[in-house]
Amino acid sequence: MAAKLNVNIDHVATIREARKTIEPSIVTAAVICEQAGAHGITVHLRGDRRHIQDRDIEVLREVVTTYLNVEMAATDEMVEIALRTMPEAVSLVPESPNEVTTEGGLDVVANFENVKRVVGKLKAAGIFVSIFLDPDLEQIEAANGAGAQQVELCTAEYADMTLSSRASHGEGAQKAAAEISRIAQAATHAVKLGLIVAAGHGLTYRNVASLASIPEITEFNIGHNIISRSVFVGLSQAVKEMIEAIK
């Protein structure tokens, strides 16, 4: 059975916020993605509100009929928003004000007590909790100890290696294969601990298949590449193409 696809629609809001206007509609985007076969909708509510806004979470909670996954930092402000809006899932992610996008996984080892506290609050309210991590065994064990139900393995390094043709031959291909192996080992370890495994960050139609062949990975969160493709073929077609790429 193919892994599920949650479509991250942050960059629909990025376009909207470029003019601080009402379009394109984040709600319309979510509905089109669901109708095209997406298994869920993912959004990242950042502290600086650079794209998704608080109101978006409230409206999406009313509209999304599949699965709403909200990425957020492990802060009291974000926990309060999650408890008020009650998405199906919260994914805890690291956040830096100066980053263009998330730069890597959350360091659960270094922030264990706070992460455990936040996970406990969310789970007590009935929210499914995932943690975005680098494919590192120690971090996975820490996430498990903190009570997470899922880990999402950061695929940024693999994605960077496969952005150009260099990854298709020679040393580039060897490095990409080694990173796939590292991700697969991390996924296997997580499953042995009883965790569900997702993956995401920088994945494209061209590079997702190798990771989709890892049976322990049962969910992907992909956004930028789908939204970029939708400029040329439409959002519905872009989502369908990614679902096929995963299959």
C-alpha atoms as a PDB file:
ATOM      1  CA  MET A   1       0.000   0.000   0.000  1.00  0.00           C
ATOM      2  CA  ALA A   2       1.368   3.393  -1.011  1.00  0.00           C
ATOM      3  CA  ALA A   3       2.250   5.943   1.650  1.00  0.00           C
ATOM      4  CA  LYS A   4      -0.207   8.743   2.358  1.00  0.00           C
ATOM      5  CA  LEU A   5       0.332  12.273   1.061  1.00  0.00           C
ATOM      6  CA  ASN A   6      -0.373  15.345   3.143  1.00  0.00           C
ATOM      7  CA  VAL A   7      -0.100  18.463   1.010  1.00  0.00           C
ATOM      8  CA  ASN A   8       1.514  21.463   2.664  1.00  0.00           C
ATOM      9  CA  ILE A   9      -0.297  24.570   1.407  1.00  0.00           C
ATOM     10  CA  ASP A  10       1.848  27.189   3.180  1.00  0.00           C
ATOM     11  CA  HIS A  11       2.979  28.746  -0.075  1.00  0.00           C
ATOM     12  CA  VAL A  12      -0.551  29.453  -1.231  1.00  0.00           C
ATOM     13  CA  ALA A  13      -0.611  31.740   1.796  1.00  0.00           C
ATOM     14  CA  THR A  14       2.851  33.056   0.859  1.00  0.00           C
ATOM     15  CA  ILE A  15       1.392  34.383  -2.405  1.00  0.00           C
ATOM     16  CA  ARG A  16      -1.587  35.873  -0.581  1.00  0.00           C
ATOM     17  CA  GLU A  17       0.601  37.565   2.033  1.00  0.00           C
ATOM     18  CA  ALA A  18       2.829  39.085  -0.678  1.00  0.00           C
ATOM     19  CA  ARG A  19      -0.009  41.554  -1.230  1.00  0.00           C
ATOM     20  CA  LYS A  20      -1.747  41.196   2.157  1.00  0.00           C
ATOM     21  CA  THR A  21      -4.943  40.433   0.308  1.00  0.00           C
ATOM     22  CA  ILE A  22      -7.602  37.678   0.342  1.00  0.00           C
ATOM     23  CA  GLU A  23      -6.413  35.595  -2.588  1.00  0.00           C
ATOM     24  CA  PRO A  24      -5.447  32.964  -3.395  1.00  0.00           C
ATOM     25  CA  SER A  25      -7.786  31.322  -0.906  1.00  0.00           C
ATOM     26  CA  ILE A  26      -6.196  28.850   1.492  1.00  0.00           C
ATOM     27  CA  VAL A  27      -9.607  27.189   1.880  1.00  0.00           C
ATOM     28  CA  THR A  28     -10.005  26.670  -1.852  1.00  0.00           C
ATOM     29  CA  ALA A  29      -6.513  25.195  -1.984  1.00  0.00           C
ATOM     30  CA  ALA A  30      -7.308  22.725   0.796  1.00  0.00           C
ATOM     31  CA  VAL A  31     -10.549  21.625  -0.851  1.00  0.00           C
ATOM     32  CA  ILE A  32      -8.895  21.124  -4.251  1.00  0.00           C
ATOM     33  CA  CYS A  33      -6.107  19.057  -2.664  1.00  0.00           C
ATOM     34  CA  GLU A  34      -8.610  16.839  -0.864  1.00  0.00           C
ATOM     35  CA  GLN A  35     -10.714  16.374  -3.983  1.00  0.00           C
ATOM     36  CA  ALA A  36      -7.569  15.414  -5.920  1.00  0.00           C
ATOM     37  CA  GLY A  37      -6.895  12.592  -3.476  1.00  0.00           C
ATOM     38  CA  ALA A  38      -4.635  14.097  -0.799  1.00  0.00           C
ATOM     39  CA  HIS A  39      -4.931  12.238   2.485  1.00  0.00           C
ATOM     40  CA  GLY A  40      -4.441  15.363   4.552  1.00  0.00           C
ATOM     41  CA  ILE A  41      -3.543  19.046   4.677  1.00  0.00           C
ATOM     42  CA  THR A  42      -0.429  20.361   6.398  1.00  0.00           C
ATOM     43  CA  VAL A  43       0.283  23.973   7.373  1.00  0.00           C
ATOM     44  CA  HIS A  44       3.047  25.580   9.446  1.00  0.00           C
ATOM     45  CA  LEU A  45       1.948  28.339  11.806  1.00  0.00           C
ATOM     46  CA  ARG A  46       5.208  30.188  12.345  1.00  0.00           C
ATOM     47  CA  GLY A  47       5.920  32.609  15.153  1.00  0.00           C
ATOM     48  CA  ASP A  48       6.485  35.418  12.644  1.00  0.00           C
ATOM     49  CA  ARG A  49       3.242  34.585  10.756  1.00  0.00           C
ATOM     50  CA  ARG A  50       5.054  34.964   7.438  1.00  0.00           C
ATOM     51  CA  HIS A  51       2.444  32.905   5.576  1.00  0.00           C
ATOM     52  CA  ILE A  52      -0.190  30.980   7.547  1.00  0.00           C
ATOM     53  CA  GLN A  53      -2.180  33.159   9.971  1.00  0.00           C
ATOM     54  CA  ASP A  54      -4.114  32.217  13.129  1.00  0.00           C
ATOM     55  CA  ARG A  55      -7.412  32.692  11.335  1.00  0.00           C
ATOM     56  CA  ASP A  56      -6.312  30.213   8.650  1.00  0.00           C
ATOM     57  CA  ILE A  57      -6.045  27.460  11.268  1.00  0.00           C
ATOM     58  CA  GLU A  58      -9.535  28.242  12.554  1.00  0.00           C
ATOM     59  CA  VAL A  59     -11.077  28.211   9.079  1.00  0.00           C
ATOM     60  CA  LEU A  60      -9.200  25.124   7.922  1.00  0.00           C
ATOM     61  CA  ARG A  61     -10.371  23.271  11.018  1.00  0.00           C
ATOM     62  CA  GLU A  62     -13.937  23.916   9.865  1.00  0.00           C
ATOM     63  CA  VAL A  63     -13.291  22.973   6.234  1.00  0.00           C
ATOM     64  CA  VAL A  64     -10.775  20.113   6.101  1.00  0.00           C
ATOM     65  CA  THR A  65     -12.547  16.751   6.066  1.00  0.00           C
ATOM     66  CA  THR A  66      -9.508  14.480   5.780  1.00  0.00           C
ATOM     67  CA  TYR A  67      -6.708  15.233   8.240  1.00  0.00           C
ATOM     68  CA  LEU A  68      -5.388  18.588   9.427  1.00  0.00           C
ATOM     69  CA  ASN A  69      -1.742  18.555  10.499  1.00  0.00           C
ATOM     70  CA  VAL A  70      -0.385  21.787  11.986  1.00  0.00           C
ATOM     71  CA  GLU A  71       3.367  22.257  12.238  1.00  0.00           C
ATOM     72  CA  MET A  72       4.442  24.510  15.088  1.00  0.00           C
ATOM     73  CA  ALA A  73       7.209  25.277  17.534  1.00  0.00           C
ATOM     74  CA  ALA A  74       7.066  23.741  21.021  1.00  0.00           C
ATOM     75  CA  THR A  75       5.994  26.962  22.734  1.00  0.00           C
ATOM     76  CA  ASP A  76       3.148  27.825  25.110  1.00  0.00           C
ATOM     77  CA  GLU A  77       1.689  30.224  22.534  1.00  0.00           C
ATOM     78  CA  MET A  78       1.424  27.474  19.933  1.00  0.00           C
ATOM     79  CA  VAL A  79       0.107  24.895  22.386  1.00  0.00           C
ATOM     80  CA  GLU A  80      -2.700  27.287  23.313  1.00  0.00           C
ATOM     81  CA  ILE A  81      -3.653  27.706  19.644  1.00  0.00           C
ATOM     82  CA  ALA A  82      -3.603  23.946  19.090  1.00  0.00           C
ATOM     83  CA  LEU A  83      -5.802  23.299  22.120  1.00  0.00           C
ATOM     84  CA  ARG A  84      -8.258  25.927  20.919  1.00  0.00           C
ATOM     85  CA  THR A  85      -8.497  24.745  17.303  1.00  0.00           C
ATOM     86  CA  MET A  86      -7.963  20.984  17.807  1.00  0.00           C
ATOM     87  CA  PRO A  87      -6.335  19.780  14.567  1.00  0.00           C
ATOM     88  CA  GLU A  88      -6.057  16.019  14.166  1.00  0.00           C
ATOM     89  CA  ALA A  89      -2.275  16.270  14.464  1.00  0.00           C
ATOM     90  CA  VAL A  90       0.451  18.627  15.594  1.00  0.00           C
ATOM     91  CA  SER A  91       3.984  18.288  14.270  1.00  0.00           C
ATOM     92  CA  LEU A  92       6.586  19.893  16.518  1.00  0.00           C
ATOM     93  CA  VAL A  93       9.317  21.583  14.493  1.00  0.00           C
ATOM     94  CA  PRO A  94      12.331  23.802  15.227  1.00  0.00           C
ATOM     95  CA  GLU A  95      12.070  27.442  14.280  1.00  0.00           C
ATOM     96  CA  SER A  96      14.521  30.284  13.740  1.00  0.00           C
ATOM     97  CA  PRO A  97      13.364  33.813  12.835  1.00  0.00           C
ATOM     98  CA  ASN A  98      16.079  34.264  10.197  1.00  0.00           C
ATOM     99  CA  GLU A  99      15.669  30.989   8.315  1.00  0.00           C
ATOM    100  CA  VAL A 100      14.129  30.879   4.843  1.00  0.00           C
ATOM    101  CA  THR A 101      12.514  27.547   5.689  1.00  0.00           C
ATOM    102  CA  THR A 102      12.981  24.914   8.389  1.00  0.00           C
ATOM    103  CA  GLU A 103      16.668  24.023   8.348  1.00  0.00           C
ATOM    104  CA  GLY A 104      16.660  20.645  10.075  1.00  0.00           C
ATOM    105  CA  GLY A 105      15.049  18.497  12.697  1.00  0.00           C
ATOM    106  CA  LEU A 106      14.105  19.461  16.227  1.00  0.00           C
ATOM    107  CA  ASP A 107      16.841  18.736  18.773  1.00  0.00           C
ATOM    108  CA  VAL A 108      14.761  16.719  21.223  1.00  0.00           C
ATOM    109  CA  VAL A 109      17.825  15.571  23.164  1.00  0.00           C
ATOM    110  CA  ALA A 110      18.791  19.134  24.061  1.00  0.00           C
ATOM    111  CA  ASN A 111      15.210  20.252  24.726  1.00  0.00           C
ATOM    112  CA  PHE A 112      13.825  17.048  26.198  1.00  0.00           C
ATOM    113  CA  GLU A 113      11.925  18.353  29.220  1.00  0.00           C
ATOM    114  CA  ASN A 114      10.118  21.106  27.306  1.00  0.00           C
ATOM    115  CA  VAL A 115       9.272  18.779  24.413  1.00  0.00           C
ATOM    116  CA  LYS A 116       7.962  16.140  26.808  1.00  0.00           C
ATOM    117  CA  ARG A 117       5.815  18.755  28.570  1.00  0.00           C
ATOM    118  CA  VAL A 118       4.333  20.016  25.302  1.00  0.00           C
ATOM    119  CA  VAL A 119       3.723  16.502  23.971  1.00  0.00           C
ATOM    120  CA  GLY A 120       1.918  15.623  27.197  1.00  0.00           C
ATOM    121  CA  LYS A 121      -0.413  18.631  26.957  1.00  0.00           C
ATOM    122  CA  LEU A 122      -1.300  17.932  23.337  1.00  0.00           C
ATOM    123  CA  LYS A 123      -1.866  14.212  23.847  1.00  0.00           C
ATOM    124  CA  ALA A 124      -4.012  14.852  26.915  1.00  0.00           C
ATOM    125  CA  ALA A 125      -6.339  16.877  24.676  1.00  0.00           C
ATOM    126  CA  GLY A 126      -6.558  14.025  22.159  1.00  0.00           C
ATOM    127  CA  ILE A 127      -4.231  15.532  19.542  1.00  0.00           C
ATOM    128  CA  PHE A 128      -1.901  13.160  17.678  1.00  0.00           C
ATOM    129  CA  VAL A 129       1.713  14.303  18.126  1.00  0.00           C
ATOM    130  CA  SER A 130       4.535  13.991  15.603  1.00  0.00           C
ATOM    131  CA  ILE A 131       8.062  15.384  15.914  1.00  0.00           C
ATOM    132  CA  PHE A 132      10.159  16.511  12.940  1.00  0.00           C
ATOM    133  CA  LEU A 133      13.635  15.019  13.357  1.00  0.00           C
ATOM    134  CA  ASP A 134      16.874  14.435  11.545  1.00  0.00           C
ATOM    135  CA  PRO A 135      17.280  10.704  10.771  1.00  0.00           C
ATOM    136  CA  ASP A 136      19.347  10.215  13.908  1.00  0.00           C
ATOM    137  CA  LEU A 137      18.827   7.232  16.218  1.00  0.00           C
ATOM    138  CA  GLU A 138      19.471   9.170  19.422  1.00  0.00           C
ATOM    139  CA  GLN A 139      16.917  11.835  18.473  1.00  0.00           C
ATOM    140  CA  ILE A 140      14.361   9.161  17.598  1.00  0.00           C
ATOM    141  CA  GLU A 141      14.831   7.506  20.974  1.00  0.00           C
ATOM    142  CA  ALA A 142      14.452  10.878  22.705  1.00  0.00           C
ATOM    143  CA  ALA A 143      11.231  11.562  20.782  1.00  0.00           C
ATOM    144  CA  ASN A 144       9.905   8.194  21.848  1.00  0.00           C
ATOM    145  CA  GLY A 145      10.855   8.934  25.455  1.00  0.00           C
ATOM    146  CA  ALA A 146       9.059  12.280  25.243  1.00  0.00           C
ATOM    147  CA  GLY A 147       5.855  10.488  24.277  1.00  0.00           C
ATOM    148  CA  ALA A 148       5.627  11.246  20.545  1.00  0.00           C
ATOM    149  CA  GLN A 149       3.391   8.963  18.512  1.00  0.00           C
ATOM    150  CA  GLN A 150       5.105   9.662  15.207  1.00  0.00           C
ATOM    151  CA  VAL A 151       8.425  10.951  13.927  1.00  0.00           C
ATOM    152  CA  GLU A 152       8.787  12.783  10.641  1.00  0.00           C
ATOM    153  CA  LEU A 153      12.257  12.231   9.239  1.00  0.00           C
ATOM    154  CA  CYS A 154      13.863  15.324   7.736  1.00  0.00           C
ATOM    155  CA  THR A 155      14.864  14.600   4.131  1.00  0.00           C
ATOM    156  CA  ALA A 156      16.639  17.921   3.517  1.00  0.00           C
ATOM    157  CA  GLU A 157      20.108  16.440   2.974  1.00  0.00           C
ATOM    158  CA  TYR A 158      18.786  13.831   0.554  1.00  0.00           C
ATOM    159  CA  ALA A 159      16.755  16.483  -1.282  1.00  0.00           C
ATOM    160  CA  ASP A 160      19.797  18.749  -1.646  1.00  0.00           C
ATOM    161  CA  MET A 161      21.786  15.852  -3.083  1.00  0.00           C
ATOM    162  CA  THR A 162      19.132  15.113  -5.706  1.00  0.00           C
ATOM    163  CA  LEU A 163      18.365  18.620  -6.961  1.00  0.00           C
ATOM    164  CA  SER A 164      20.703  18.315  -9.940  1.00  0.00           C
ATOM    165  CA  SER A 165      21.856  15.717 -12.434  1.00  0.00           C
ATOM    166  CA  ARG A 166      24.985  15.133 -10.336  1.00  0.00           C
ATOM    167  CA  ALA A 167      23.014  12.759  -8.153  1.00  0.00           C
ATOM    168  CA  SER A 168      22.344  10.379 -11.033  1.00  0.00           C
ATOM    169  CA  HIS A 169      25.915   9.193 -11.474  1.00  0.00           C
ATOM    170  CA  GLY A 170      29.308   8.816  -9.811  1.00  0.00           C
ATOM    171  CA  GLU A 171      29.992  10.193  -6.367  1.00  0.00           C
ATOM    172  CA  GLY A 172      26.676  12.065  -6.250  1.00  0.00           C
ATOM    173  CA  ALA A 173      24.729   8.851  -6.727  1.00  0.00           C
ATOM    174  CA  GLN A 174      26.756   7.127  -4.001  1.00  0.00           C
ATOM    175  CA  LYS A 175      26.091   9.940  -1.515  1.00  0.00           C
ATOM    176  CA  ALA A 176      22.370   9.922  -2.305  1.00  0.00           C
ATOM    177  CA  ALA A 177      22.246   6.144  -1.860  1.00  0.00           C
ATOM    178  CA  ALA A 178      24.044   6.443   1.481  1.00  0.00           C
ATOM    179  CA  GLU A 179      21.523   9.042   2.673  1.00  0.00           C
ATOM    180  CA  ILE A 180      18.618   6.821   1.589  1.00  0.00           C
ATOM    181  CA  SER A 181      20.182   4.014   3.622  1.00  0.00           C
ATOM    182  CA  ARG A 182      20.521   6.305   6.657  1.00  0.00           C
ATOM    183  CA  ILE A 183      16.859   7.322   6.382  1.00  0.00           C
ATOM    184  CA  ALA A 184      15.784   3.683   5.976  1.00  0.00           C
ATOM    185  CA  GLN A 185      17.759   2.637   9.068  1.00  0.00           C
ATOM    186  CA  ALA A 186      16.230   5.463  11.073  1.00  0.00           C
ATOM    187  CA  ALA A 187      12.741   4.498   9.903  1.00  0.00           C
ATOM    188  CA  THR A 188      13.302   0.857  10.854  1.00  0.00           C
ATOM    189  CA  HIS A 189      14.554   1.856  14.300  1.00  0.00           C
ATOM    190  CA  ALA A 190      11.537   4.117  14.867  1.00  0.00           C
ATOM    191  CA  VAL A 191       9.091   1.377  13.916  1.00  0.00           C
ATOM    192  CA  LYS A 192      10.812  -1.040  16.323  1.00  0.00           C
ATOM    193  CA  LEU A 193      10.148   1.497  19.078  1.00  0.00           C
ATOM    194  CA  GLY A 194       6.471   1.540  18.130  1.00  0.00           C
ATOM    195  CA  LEU A 195       6.511   4.889  16.353  1.00  0.00           C
ATOM    196  CA  ILE A 196       4.748   5.735  13.099  1.00  0.00           C
ATOM    197  CA  VAL A 197       7.127   7.168  10.494  1.00  0.00           C
ATOM    198  CA  ALA A 198       6.577  10.073   8.113  1.00  0.00           C
ATOM    199  CA  ALA A 199       9.094  11.930   5.939  1.00  0.00           C
ATOM    200  CA  GLY A 200       9.407  15.289   4.278  1.00  0.00           C
ATOM    201  CA  HIS A 201      11.362  18.424   3.402  1.00  0.00           C
ATOM    202  CA  GLY A 202      12.472  19.358  -0.094  1.00  0.00           C
ATOM    203  CA  LEU A 203      10.983  16.285  -1.751  1.00  0.00           C
ATOM    204  CA  THR A 204      10.042  16.462  -5.435  1.00  0.00           C
ATOM    205  CA  TYR A 205       8.408  14.380  -8.146  1.00  0.00           C
ATOM    206  CA  ARG A 206      11.900  13.340  -9.214  1.00  0.00           C
ATOM    207  CA  ASN A 207      13.284  12.124  -5.907  1.00  0.00           C
ATOM    208  CA  VAL A 208      10.350  10.871  -3.823  1.00  0.00           C
ATOM    209  CA  ALA A 209      10.176   7.374  -5.328  1.00  0.00           C
ATOM    210  CA  SER A 210      13.340   6.118  -3.641  1.00  0.00           C
ATOM    211  CA  LEU A 211      11.978   7.042  -0.231  1.00  0.00           C
ATOM    212  CA  ALA A 212       8.471   5.826  -1.058  1.00  0.00           C
ATOM    213  CA  SER A 213       9.982   2.367  -1.551  1.00  0.00           C
ATOM    214  CA  ILE A 214      10.947   2.269   2.152  1.00  0.00           C
ATOM    215  CA  PRO A 215       7.992   0.350   3.650  1.00  0.00           C
ATOM    216  CA  GLU A 216       8.368   1.821   7.138  1.00  0.00           C
ATOM    217  CA  ILE A 217       7.584   5.319   5.818  1.00  0.00           C
ATOM    218  CA  THR A 218       3.798   5.545   5.676  1.00  0.00           C
ATOM    219  CA  GLU A 219       3.256   9.287   5.187  1.00  0.00           C
ATOM    220  CA  PHE A 220       4.815  12.172   3.289  1.00  0.00           C
ATOM    221  CA  ASN A 221       4.390  15.908   3.879  1.00  0.00           C
ATOM    222  CA  ILE A 222       5.193  17.751   0.658  1.00  0.00           C
ATOM    223  CA  GLY A 223       4.420  21.338  -0.247  1.00  0.00           C
ATOM    224  CA  HIS A 224       6.748  23.616  -2.198  1.00  0.00           C
ATOM    225  CA  ASN A 225       7.246  21.302  -5.158  1.00  0.00           C
ATOM    226  CA  ILE A 226       3.515  20.667  -5.529  1.00  0.00           C
ATOM    227  CA  ILE A 227       2.615  24.363  -5.323  1.00  0.00           C
ATOM    228  CA  SER A 228       5.405  25.174  -7.800  1.00  0.00           C
ATOM    229  CA  ARG A 229       4.106  22.575 -10.235  1.00  0.00           C
ATOM    230  CA  SER A 230       0.553  23.844  -9.816  1.00  0.00           C
ATOM    231  CA  VAL A 231       1.543  27.180 -11.391  1.00  0.00           C
ATOM    232  CA  PHE A 232       1.838  25.339 -14.707  1.00  0.00           C
ATOM    233  CA  VAL A 233      -0.664  22.462 -14.516  1.00  0.00           C
ATOM    234  CA  GLY A 234      -3.142  23.492 -11.820  1.00  0.00           C
ATOM    235  CA  LEU A 235      -3.289  22.377  -8.209  1.00  0.00           C
ATOM    236  CA  SER A 236      -5.492  19.333  -8.714  1.00  0.00           C
ATOM    237  CA  GLN A 237      -3.225  17.886 -11.403  1.00  0.00           C
ATOM    238  CA  ALA A 238      -0.111  18.680  -9.365  1.00  0.00           C
ATOM    239  CA  VAL A 239      -1.460  16.751  -6.380  1.00  0.00           C
ATOM    240  CA  LYS A 240      -2.457  13.790  -8.551  1.00  0.00           C
ATOM    241  CA  GLU A 241       1.013  13.677 -10.098  1.00  0.00           C
ATOM    242  CA  MET A 242       2.657  13.548  -6.660  1.00  0.00           C
ATOM    243  CA  ILE A 243       0.342  10.772  -5.536  1.00  0.00           C
ATOM    244  CA  GLU A 244       1.382   8.804  -8.637  1.00  0.00           C
ATOM    245  CA  ALA A 245       5.061   9.536  -7.971  1.00  0.00           C
ATOM    246  CA  ILE A 246       4.685   8.107  -4.472  1.00  0.00           C
ATOM    247  CA  LYS A 247       2.939   5.018  -5.830  1.00  0.00           C
END
